[in-house]
Amino acid sequence: MPIIDFTRLAKQGKSRHGLITRVYQQYFSFTLHNGGLSMSNSGSKTKTIAIVGSSLAGFGLLFTVIGVFMLYQATQFAAVAVTTTGTVVDIEIDRSFDSETGSESVTYRPTFEYSAVDGVKRNAKTVAASSSYDYPIGARVQILYNPDDPQTVRVSGFWSVYLLPIVFVAVGVLLIGLGFIVVRFLRNAGDSDGGLEMSDFD
């Protein structure tokens, strides 16, 4: 699977920080107080597990919300995108080294020169970098661009448009599932012990 550069996503997500924070806080509070958990007779270990489970589900919700938003943006882009052929005129190479595994990962972000529908030649970098974009200078590649925003360019292909949103939604669903498994486990444990209360969380 290609390696995707998350820098652009982080910049986009920053503007939505307030909304995402409120969603997380409301969800986290709801999970603790309505998840059927009872903590007054449990130790700090049980409380910690409950918080971890709720946090996993809460972060999963955030990932899912971001992924759905990105999927909406990708769908909007695909609906208006124009296909053309671009020539690689420059390429940005980013190398990162993992000291623990001793492995190096490399991503590429090419700049394409292309002619828009208005006949004007433009240069634009791809929206995201990828390990699969190791094109030589002068290579001709099929690309997609937004006619309303000619600087928004992607390499043509399903995964170049939808991979990142799908990854975020998948990770979000996985985290939500893990969180609810933990919460459900504790609730069942509480039921088997005669029930506990949430007084220590209030």
Protein backbone atom coordinates (compact mmCIF):
# COMPACT_ATOMS: atom_id res chain seq x y z
CA MET A 1 0.00 0.00 0.00
CA PRO A 2 1.44 3.43 -0.87
CA ILE A 3 2.66 5.65 1.96
CA ILE A 4 0.59 8.83 2.20
CA ASP A 5 1.80 12.21 3.46
CA PHE A 6 -0.48 13.33 6.32
CA THR A 7 0.87 16.89 6.52
CA ARG A 8 -1.88 18.37 4.35
CA LEU A 9 -4.53 16.55 6.33
CA ALA A 10 -3.16 17.94 9.59
CA LYS A 11 -3.39 21.48 8.22
CA GLN A 12 -6.96 20.90 7.05
CA GLY A 13 -7.95 19.31 10.35
CA LYS A 14 -6.60 22.25 12.36
CA SER A 15 -9.42 24.52 11.18
CA ARG A 16 -11.98 21.98 12.37
CA HIS A 17 -10.30 21.49 15.75
CA GLY A 18 -13.02 23.22 17.75
CA LEU A 19 -15.86 21.15 16.30
CA ILE A 20 -13.96 17.88 16.62
CA THR A 21 -13.02 18.66 20.24
CA ARG A 22 -16.65 19.31 21.16
CA VAL A 23 -17.77 16.09 19.50
CA TYR A 24 -15.13 14.12 21.38
CA GLN A 25 -15.93 15.72 24.76
CA GLN A 26 -19.65 15.07 24.40
CA TYR A 27 -19.09 11.51 23.25
CA PHE A 28 -16.54 10.76 25.99
CA SER A 29 -18.89 12.06 28.68
CA PHE A 30 -21.83 10.09 27.27
CA THR A 31 -19.84 6.84 27.12
CA LEU A 32 -18.68 7.07 30.72
CA HIS A 33 -22.04 7.99 32.19
CA ASN A 34 -24.34 5.92 29.98
CA GLY A 35 -22.23 2.92 29.05
CA GLY A 36 -23.63 0.82 31.84
CA LEU A 37 -20.39 0.92 33.83
CA SER A 38 -20.39 1.18 37.64
CA MET A 39 -17.21 2.13 39.35
CA SER A 40 -17.79 2.95 42.99
CA ASN A 41 -16.78 -0.54 44.13
CA SER A 42 -13.96 -1.02 41.66
CA GLY A 43 -10.30 -0.20 41.93
CA SER A 44 -8.20 2.25 39.98
CA LYS A 45 -7.30 -0.48 37.49
CA THR A 46 -10.94 -0.93 36.46
CA LYS A 47 -11.36 2.83 36.15
CA THR A 48 -8.27 3.05 33.96
CA ILE A 49 -9.52 0.28 31.68
CA ALA A 50 -12.89 2.02 31.41
CA ILE A 51 -11.25 5.31 30.46
CA VAL A 52 -9.02 3.54 27.92
CA GLY A 53 -12.04 1.85 26.34
CA SER A 54 -14.01 5.09 26.19
CA SER A 55 -10.98 6.94 24.82
CA LEU A 56 -10.48 4.35 22.08
CA ALA A 57 -14.11 4.68 21.04
CA GLY A 58 -13.92 8.47 21.25
CA PHE A 59 -10.82 8.70 19.09
CA GLY A 60 -12.42 6.21 16.73
CA LEU A 61 -15.39 8.53 16.38
CA LEU A 62 -13.05 11.42 15.56
CA PHE A 63 -11.23 9.39 12.91
CA THR A 64 -14.56 8.34 11.42
CA VAL A 65 -15.88 11.91 11.32
CA ILE A 66 -12.67 13.15 9.67
CA GLY A 67 -12.72 10.22 7.24
CA VAL A 68 -16.33 10.85 6.24
CA PHE A 69 -15.56 14.55 5.70
CA MET A 70 -12.54 13.65 3.57
CA LEU A 71 -14.65 11.15 1.64
CA TYR A 72 -17.15 13.90 0.93
CA GLN A 73 -14.35 16.18 -0.32
CA ALA A 74 -12.94 13.39 -2.50
CA THR A 75 -16.36 12.70 -3.99
CA GLN A 76 -16.86 16.40 -4.73
CA PHE A 77 -13.44 16.54 -6.40
CA ALA A 78 -14.12 13.43 -8.50
CA ALA A 79 -17.43 14.90 -9.66
CA VAL A 80 -15.81 17.96 -11.26
CA ALA A 81 -12.27 16.75 -11.99
CA VAL A 82 -10.92 16.96 -15.52
CA THR A 83 -8.58 14.27 -16.83
CA THR A 84 -5.48 15.29 -18.75
CA THR A 85 -1.86 14.31 -19.23
CA GLY A 86 0.79 16.06 -17.17
CA THR A 87 4.56 16.11 -17.54
CA VAL A 88 6.72 15.68 -14.45
CA VAL A 89 8.91 18.79 -14.19
CA ASP A 90 10.05 18.43 -10.58
CA ILE A 91 9.75 15.96 -7.72
CA GLU A 92 9.95 16.49 -3.98
CA ILE A 93 11.53 13.56 -2.12
CA ASP A 94 10.97 13.01 1.59
CA ARG A 95 13.01 10.37 3.43
CA SER A 96 12.29 9.17 6.94
CA PHE A 97 14.33 6.68 8.93
CA ASP A 98 12.93 4.38 11.62
CA SER A 99 15.71 3.87 14.18
CA GLU A 100 13.88 0.96 15.82
CA THR A 101 13.50 -1.18 12.71
CA GLY A 102 16.42 0.31 10.79
CA SER A 103 14.21 0.82 7.75
CA GLU A 104 13.88 3.87 5.54
CA SER A 105 10.67 5.06 3.90
CA VAL A 106 10.61 7.39 0.94
CA THR A 107 7.68 9.37 -0.44
CA TYR A 108 7.53 11.42 -3.63
CA ARG A 109 5.47 14.49 -4.47
CA PRO A 110 5.76 15.35 -8.16
CA THR A 111 5.06 18.69 -9.81
CA PHE A 112 3.23 18.40 -13.12
CA GLU A 113 3.06 20.78 -16.03
CA TYR A 114 -0.23 20.50 -17.87
CA SER A 115 -2.55 22.43 -20.16
CA ALA A 116 -5.92 23.29 -18.63
CA VAL A 117 -9.17 23.45 -20.58
CA ASP A 118 -8.63 27.19 -21.07
CA GLY A 119 -5.36 26.45 -22.90
CA VAL A 120 -3.17 27.93 -20.18
CA LYS A 121 -0.15 25.88 -19.10
CA ARG A 122 0.10 25.43 -15.36
CA ASN A 123 2.44 23.80 -12.85
CA ALA A 124 0.98 22.13 -9.78
CA LYS A 125 2.07 19.65 -7.13
CA THR A 126 -0.01 16.64 -6.26
CA VAL A 127 -2.24 17.05 -3.21
CA ALA A 128 -0.45 14.23 -1.37
CA ALA A 129 2.89 12.46 -1.55
CA SER A 130 3.15 8.71 -2.05
CA SER A 131 5.79 6.01 -2.22
CA SER A 132 4.43 5.04 -5.65
CA TYR A 133 4.97 8.47 -7.26
CA ASP A 134 8.65 7.89 -8.09
CA TYR A 135 8.36 9.16 -11.66
CA PRO A 136 11.43 10.31 -13.60
CA ILE A 137 11.60 13.92 -14.74
CA GLY A 138 9.87 14.21 -18.10
CA ALA A 139 7.48 11.31 -17.50
CA ARG A 140 3.99 11.82 -18.85
CA VAL A 141 1.29 10.78 -16.37
CA GLN A 142 -2.49 10.89 -16.50
CA ILE A 143 -3.73 13.30 -13.83
CA LEU A 144 -6.94 14.83 -12.49
CA TYR A 145 -7.32 18.52 -11.70
CA ASN A 146 -10.10 20.76 -10.44
CA PRO A 147 -10.98 23.35 -13.12
CA ASP A 148 -12.18 25.72 -10.38
CA ASP A 149 -8.89 25.30 -8.51
CA PRO A 150 -6.18 24.30 -11.03
CA GLN A 151 -3.59 23.86 -8.27
CA THR A 152 -5.53 20.90 -6.88
CA VAL A 153 -4.00 17.99 -8.77
CA ARG A 154 -4.06 14.24 -8.16
CA VAL A 155 -2.66 11.31 -10.07
CA SER A 156 -5.56 9.66 -11.90
CA GLY A 157 -6.84 6.52 -10.20
CA PHE A 158 -9.35 5.34 -7.60
CA TRP A 159 -6.84 4.90 -4.78
CA SER A 160 -5.14 8.24 -5.30
CA VAL A 161 -8.50 9.91 -4.66
CA TYR A 162 -10.12 7.66 -2.06
CA LEU A 163 -7.31 5.84 -0.21
CA LEU A 164 -6.83 8.32 2.63
CA PRO A 165 -10.55 8.72 3.46
CA ILE A 166 -11.01 4.94 3.42
CA VAL A 167 -8.03 4.47 5.75
CA PHE A 168 -9.39 7.03 8.22
CA VAL A 169 -12.88 5.51 8.24
CA ALA A 170 -11.48 1.99 8.62
CA VAL A 171 -9.21 2.99 11.52
CA GLY A 172 -12.09 4.88 13.14
CA VAL A 173 -14.46 1.92 12.94
CA LEU A 174 -11.76 -0.38 14.32
CA LEU A 175 -11.09 1.91 17.30
CA ILE A 176 -14.81 2.29 18.02
CA GLY A 177 -15.18 -1.48 17.95
CA LEU A 178 -12.23 -2.01 20.31
CA GLY A 179 -13.53 0.66 22.66
CA PHE A 180 -16.99 -0.85 22.87
CA ILE A 181 -15.53 -4.34 23.41
CA VAL A 182 -13.68 -3.00 26.45
CA VAL A 183 -16.73 -1.11 27.74
CA ARG A 184 -18.97 -4.14 27.17
CA PHE A 185 -16.52 -6.42 28.95
CA LEU A 186 -16.48 -4.18 32.01
CA ARG A 187 -20.26 -3.84 32.01
CA ASN A 188 -20.68 -7.60 31.91
CA ALA A 189 -18.12 -7.91 34.71
CA GLY A 190 -20.05 -5.33 36.72
CA ASP A 191 -23.34 -7.18 36.17
CA SER A 192 -21.79 -10.44 37.31
CA ASP A 193 -20.55 -8.72 40.50
CA GLY A 194 -23.97 -7.37 41.36
CA GLY A 195 -23.59 -4.00 39.70
CA LEU A 196 -21.50 -0.95 40.44
CA GLU A 197 -22.14 2.77 40.33
CA MET A 198 -20.59 5.69 38.56
CA SER A 199 -20.27 7.87 41.66
CA ASP A 200 -16.49 8.06 41.48
CA PHE A 201 -16.69 9.57 37.98
CA ASP A 202 -19.08 12.37 38.99
